Amino acid sequence: MLALVAALLFVLALIFQLAGVAIGSVVTVTTLTLVGLIAVALHLAGVGAGWSLKK
C-alpha cells in the first residue's frame, strides 16, 4: 500500500515539476519527492504490509 502512495506522490511531483507548479511555500516538488522516498523506505521496511504473527 505504501508503494502505491509513493508512486502517486512521485507522479504528482513529476507533474508539478513539468508544469512549474508549487502549492504555497511548503508543498513543493522537493517535499513531495521526500515524502515519496519516506513511503518507499517504510514499504521496504515492512511497515503496513498487513502481515501479523499473532493468532
N, C-alpha and C. Protein backbone atom coordinates (compact mmCIF):
# COMPACT_ATOMS: atom_id res chain seq x y z
N MET A 1 0.82 -1.19 0.00
CA MET A 1 0.00 0.00 0.00
C MET A 1 0.87 1.26 0.00
N LEU A 2 1.92 1.24 0.79
CA LEU A 2 2.80 2.40 0.83
C LEU A 2 3.53 2.62 -0.48
N ALA A 3 3.77 1.54 -1.21
CA ALA A 3 4.41 1.68 -2.52
C ALA A 3 3.49 2.42 -3.49
N LEU A 4 2.19 2.17 -3.40
CA LEU A 4 1.24 2.88 -4.25
C LEU A 4 1.17 4.36 -3.88
N VAL A 5 1.22 4.65 -2.59
CA VAL A 5 1.23 6.04 -2.13
C VAL A 5 2.49 6.74 -2.65
N ALA A 6 3.62 6.06 -2.57
CA ALA A 6 4.88 6.63 -3.05
C ALA A 6 4.82 6.89 -4.55
N ALA A 7 4.26 5.95 -5.30
CA ALA A 7 4.15 6.13 -6.74
C ALA A 7 3.26 7.32 -7.07
N LEU A 8 2.17 7.48 -6.35
CA LEU A 8 1.28 8.62 -6.56
C LEU A 8 1.99 9.94 -6.25
N LEU A 9 2.75 9.96 -5.17
CA LEU A 9 3.49 11.18 -4.81
C LEU A 9 4.55 11.51 -5.87
N PHE A 10 5.22 10.49 -6.40
CA PHE A 10 6.22 10.73 -7.44
C PHE A 10 5.58 11.25 -8.71
N VAL A 11 4.39 10.74 -9.06
CA VAL A 11 3.69 11.23 -10.24
C VAL A 11 3.27 12.68 -10.04
N LEU A 12 2.76 13.00 -8.86
CA LEU A 12 2.40 14.39 -8.57
C LEU A 12 3.61 15.31 -8.63
N ALA A 13 4.73 14.85 -8.09
CA ALA A 13 5.94 15.66 -8.12
C ALA A 13 6.40 15.89 -9.56
N LEU A 14 6.30 14.86 -10.39
CA LEU A 14 6.68 14.99 -11.79
C LEU A 14 5.77 15.98 -12.52
N ILE A 15 4.48 15.88 -12.29
CA ILE A 15 3.53 16.80 -12.93
C ILE A 15 3.79 18.23 -12.47
N PHE A 16 4.02 18.41 -11.18
CA PHE A 16 4.30 19.75 -10.66
C PHE A 16 5.59 20.30 -11.26
N GLN A 17 6.60 19.44 -11.40
CA GLN A 17 7.88 19.87 -11.96
C GLN A 17 7.72 20.28 -13.42
N LEU A 18 7.00 19.47 -14.19
CA LEU A 18 6.82 19.78 -15.61
C LEU A 18 5.96 21.02 -15.83
N ALA A 19 4.98 21.22 -14.95
CA ALA A 19 4.08 22.37 -15.10
C ALA A 19 4.61 23.61 -14.40
N GLY A 20 5.62 23.45 -13.57
CA GLY A 20 6.16 24.59 -12.83
C GLY A 20 5.23 25.08 -11.74
N VAL A 21 4.51 24.15 -11.13
CA VAL A 21 3.51 24.49 -10.12
C VAL A 21 4.07 24.22 -8.73
N ALA A 22 3.73 25.08 -7.80
CA ALA A 22 4.03 24.87 -6.38
C ALA A 22 2.81 25.31 -5.58
N ILE A 23 2.42 24.50 -4.62
CA ILE A 23 1.29 24.84 -3.77
C ILE A 23 1.85 25.49 -2.51
N GLY A 24 1.86 26.80 -2.50
CA GLY A 24 2.41 27.52 -1.35
C GLY A 24 3.92 27.37 -1.28
N SER A 25 4.46 27.68 -0.12
CA SER A 25 5.90 27.55 0.06
C SER A 25 6.27 26.25 0.76
N VAL A 26 5.26 25.48 1.18
CA VAL A 26 5.53 24.25 1.93
C VAL A 26 5.50 23.03 1.01
N VAL A 27 4.46 22.90 0.20
CA VAL A 27 4.32 21.75 -0.69
C VAL A 27 4.95 22.08 -2.03
N THR A 28 6.16 21.57 -2.22
CA THR A 28 6.89 21.78 -3.47
C THR A 28 7.25 20.42 -4.04
N VAL A 29 7.94 20.42 -5.16
CA VAL A 29 8.39 19.17 -5.78
C VAL A 29 9.32 18.42 -4.83
N THR A 30 10.16 19.16 -4.15
CA THR A 30 11.12 18.53 -3.22
C THR A 30 10.41 17.85 -2.06
N THR A 31 9.42 18.50 -1.48
CA THR A 31 8.72 17.88 -0.35
C THR A 31 7.93 16.66 -0.80
N LEU A 32 7.32 16.70 -1.98
CA LEU A 32 6.60 15.53 -2.48
C LEU A 32 7.56 14.38 -2.73
N THR A 33 8.74 14.68 -3.26
CA THR A 33 9.73 13.64 -3.51
C THR A 33 10.24 13.03 -2.20
N LEU A 34 10.50 13.87 -1.22
CA LEU A 34 10.99 13.36 0.06
C LEU A 34 9.94 12.51 0.78
N VAL A 35 8.69 12.92 0.74
CA VAL A 35 7.63 12.12 1.35
C VAL A 35 7.47 10.80 0.60
N GLY A 36 7.62 10.83 -0.72
CA GLY A 36 7.58 9.60 -1.50
C GLY A 36 8.72 8.66 -1.13
N LEU A 37 9.90 9.20 -0.94
CA LEU A 37 11.04 8.37 -0.53
C LEU A 37 10.84 7.78 0.86
N ILE A 38 10.23 8.54 1.75
CA ILE A 38 9.92 8.02 3.09
C ILE A 38 8.92 6.87 2.97
N ALA A 39 7.91 7.02 2.11
CA ALA A 39 6.93 5.96 1.92
C ALA A 39 7.59 4.70 1.35
N VAL A 40 8.52 4.87 0.41
CA VAL A 40 9.24 3.72 -0.14
C VAL A 40 10.08 3.05 0.94
N ALA A 41 10.75 3.84 1.76
CA ALA A 41 11.57 3.28 2.84
C ALA A 41 10.71 2.50 3.84
N LEU A 42 9.54 3.05 4.19
CA LEU A 42 8.65 2.34 5.10
C LEU A 42 8.12 1.06 4.47
N HIS A 43 7.84 1.11 3.18
CA HIS A 43 7.37 -0.09 2.47
C HIS A 43 8.45 -1.17 2.49
N LEU A 44 9.68 -0.78 2.21
CA LEU A 44 10.78 -1.75 2.21
C LEU A 44 11.08 -2.28 3.60
N ALA A 45 10.76 -1.49 4.63
CA ALA A 45 10.97 -1.95 6.00
C ALA A 45 9.85 -2.88 6.47
N GLY A 46 8.78 -2.97 5.68
CA GLY A 46 7.70 -3.88 6.03
C GLY A 46 6.57 -3.24 6.78
N VAL A 47 6.57 -1.94 6.93
CA VAL A 47 5.50 -1.25 7.64
C VAL A 47 4.26 -1.24 6.76
N GLY A 48 3.13 -1.61 7.33
CA GLY A 48 1.88 -1.58 6.58
C GLY A 48 1.70 -2.75 5.64
N ALA A 49 2.47 -3.80 5.83
CA ALA A 49 2.39 -4.95 4.93
C ALA A 49 1.15 -5.80 5.19
N GLY A 50 0.61 -5.70 6.39
CA GLY A 50 -0.59 -6.47 6.70
C GLY A 50 -0.29 -7.85 7.27
N TRP A 51 0.97 -8.20 7.42
CA TRP A 51 1.32 -9.49 7.99
C TRP A 51 1.37 -9.39 9.49
N SER A 52 0.89 -10.42 10.15
CA SER A 52 0.91 -10.44 11.60
C SER A 52 1.22 -11.86 12.07
N LEU A 53 2.03 -11.97 13.11
CA LEU A 53 2.35 -13.26 13.67
C LEU A 53 1.37 -13.65 14.78
N LYS A 54 0.54 -12.72 15.20
CA LYS A 54 -0.45 -13.00 16.25
C LYS A 54 -1.58 -13.81 15.67
N LYS A 55 -2.09 -14.73 16.49
CA LYS A 55 -3.20 -15.58 16.05
C LYS A 55 -4.42 -15.33 16.86
